[in-house]
């Protein structure tokens, strides 16, 4: 049996949020959109998956940033049509091992894999 996950969402006039079981609260603001959360969740899942793999593969880095762009379909359901992830990594000693760890992370990240069912996914990795 897999890990059970749970959030509680509360919506009262002027205040919308969801809270995780560990107490992390995420406010749903008037200018936020559901796809902001989806792309944020993708970045978090992909990074944590990469971090775990990189640790096992002994890949080191100083800083990693993801810049994620998605284009929604015009016709309902307006799922993502394309999703592009630009990765910038600094302080990487072994770029080949880094790329292998990142590619593996895209295969293991559940949110990447879920989105890939409806969206063309691609990524680029640049080193500074």
Protein backbone atom coordinates (compact mmCIF):
# COMPACT_ATOMS: atom_id res chain seq x y z
CA UNK A 1 0.00 0.00 0.00
CA UNK A 2 1.38 3.41 -0.96
CA UNK A 3 1.69 6.54 1.15
CA UNK A 4 -1.62 8.24 1.80
CA UNK A 5 -1.70 11.97 1.02
CA UNK A 6 -4.22 14.50 2.24
CA UNK A 7 -4.92 18.22 2.17
CA UNK A 8 -7.76 20.21 3.66
CA UNK A 9 -9.14 23.14 1.67
CA UNK A 10 -11.19 25.96 3.22
CA UNK A 11 -13.02 28.63 1.29
CA UNK A 12 -14.62 31.58 3.05
CA UNK A 13 -15.27 34.98 1.49
CA UNK A 14 -11.93 36.68 0.95
CA UNK A 15 -9.76 33.78 2.18
CA UNK A 16 -9.05 30.58 0.28
CA UNK A 17 -6.36 28.10 1.28
CA UNK A 18 -5.33 24.51 1.49
CA UNK A 19 -3.34 22.98 4.32
CA UNK A 20 -1.26 19.81 4.37
CA UNK A 21 -1.20 17.33 7.25
CA UNK A 22 2.22 18.66 8.30
CA UNK A 23 0.73 22.14 8.74
CA UNK A 24 2.01 23.84 5.58
CA UNK A 25 -0.61 26.33 4.41
CA UNK A 26 -0.94 27.57 0.85
CA UNK A 27 -3.13 30.56 0.22
CA UNK A 28 -5.08 30.70 -2.99
CA UNK A 29 -4.91 34.38 -3.83
CA UNK A 30 -7.17 36.44 -6.05
CA UNK A 31 -4.55 36.55 -8.80
CA UNK A 32 -3.34 32.96 -8.53
CA UNK A 33 -4.49 30.39 -11.01
CA UNK A 34 -4.69 26.60 -10.67
CA UNK A 35 -1.91 26.20 -13.23
CA UNK A 36 0.41 28.27 -11.01
CA UNK A 37 0.03 25.53 -8.40
CA UNK A 38 0.39 22.76 -10.96
CA UNK A 39 3.65 24.13 -12.36
CA UNK A 40 4.88 24.83 -8.82
CA UNK A 41 4.06 21.24 -7.84
CA UNK A 42 5.92 20.01 -10.93
CA UNK A 43 9.02 21.99 -9.96
CA UNK A 44 8.92 20.70 -6.37
CA UNK A 45 8.35 17.07 -7.30
CA UNK A 46 10.99 17.13 -10.01
CA UNK A 47 13.56 18.76 -7.74
CA UNK A 48 12.99 16.41 -4.80
CA UNK A 49 13.15 13.41 -7.12
CA UNK A 50 16.35 14.76 -8.69
CA UNK A 51 17.88 15.55 -5.29
CA UNK A 52 17.32 11.99 -4.07
CA UNK A 53 18.79 10.49 -7.24
CA UNK A 54 21.71 12.93 -7.28
CA UNK A 55 22.56 11.99 -3.71
CA UNK A 56 22.64 8.31 -4.61
CA UNK A 57 24.68 9.04 -7.75
CA UNK A 58 27.02 11.43 -5.88
CA UNK A 59 26.19 14.37 -8.11
CA UNK A 60 27.03 17.73 -6.59
CA UNK A 61 25.86 21.25 -7.43
CA UNK A 62 25.68 24.68 -5.82
CA UNK A 63 22.45 26.08 -7.27
CA UNK A 64 19.69 24.77 -9.50
CA UNK A 65 16.81 26.80 -10.90
CA UNK A 66 13.84 25.68 -12.96
CA UNK A 67 12.00 28.03 -15.29
CA UNK A 68 8.82 26.24 -16.35
CA UNK A 69 6.54 27.40 -19.16
CA UNK A 70 3.27 25.79 -20.10
CA UNK A 71 0.81 26.49 -22.87
CA UNK A 72 -2.82 25.56 -22.30
CA UNK A 73 -5.11 24.21 -24.96
CA UNK A 74 -7.86 26.53 -26.13
CA UNK A 75 -10.56 23.88 -26.32
CA UNK A 76 -11.99 22.28 -23.17
CA UNK A 77 -10.68 20.56 -21.27
CA UNK A 78 -7.92 23.18 -21.28
CA UNK A 79 -5.13 20.88 -20.13
CA UNK A 80 -1.56 21.81 -20.88
CA UNK A 81 -0.66 21.42 -24.53
CA UNK A 82 3.09 21.89 -24.07
CA UNK A 83 5.37 22.15 -21.05
CA UNK A 84 9.01 23.23 -21.21
CA UNK A 85 11.44 23.16 -18.30
CA UNK A 86 14.62 25.26 -18.53
CA UNK A 87 17.16 24.15 -15.95
CA UNK A 88 20.15 26.27 -14.96
CA UNK A 89 22.73 24.60 -12.74
CA UNK A 90 25.86 26.09 -11.23
CA UNK A 91 28.75 24.48 -9.45
CA UNK A 92 28.31 21.13 -11.17
CA UNK A 93 31.46 19.01 -11.18
CA UNK A 94 30.28 16.23 -13.50
CA UNK A 95 27.82 17.50 -16.11
CA UNK A 96 27.30 14.06 -17.66
CA UNK A 97 26.26 12.55 -14.32
CA UNK A 98 24.05 15.56 -13.62
CA UNK A 99 22.24 15.09 -16.94
CA UNK A 100 21.77 11.37 -16.26
CA UNK A 101 20.32 12.08 -12.82
CA UNK A 102 17.98 14.74 -14.23
CA UNK A 103 16.78 12.55 -17.09
CA UNK A 104 16.10 9.75 -14.62
CA UNK A 105 14.23 12.19 -12.37
CA UNK A 106 11.87 13.05 -15.24
CA UNK A 107 11.03 9.35 -15.53
CA UNK A 108 10.51 8.89 -11.77
CA UNK A 109 8.72 12.17 -10.93
CA UNK A 110 5.04 11.33 -10.58
CA UNK A 111 3.82 14.83 -11.42
CA UNK A 112 6.04 15.02 -14.54
CA UNK A 113 4.66 11.67 -15.64
CA UNK A 114 1.05 12.69 -14.90
CA UNK A 115 1.31 15.92 -16.89
CA UNK A 116 3.07 14.08 -19.73
CA UNK A 117 -0.16 12.15 -20.36
CA UNK A 118 -1.77 15.33 -21.74
CA UNK A 119 1.17 17.60 -22.58
CA UNK A 120 4.24 17.45 -24.78
CA UNK A 121 7.06 17.67 -22.24
CA UNK A 122 10.63 18.75 -22.88
CA UNK A 123 13.53 20.29 -21.03
CA UNK A 124 16.90 21.90 -21.52
CA UNK A 125 19.78 21.98 -19.07
CA UNK A 126 22.38 24.74 -19.09
CA UNK A 127 25.44 24.96 -16.88
CA UNK A 128 26.98 28.19 -15.61
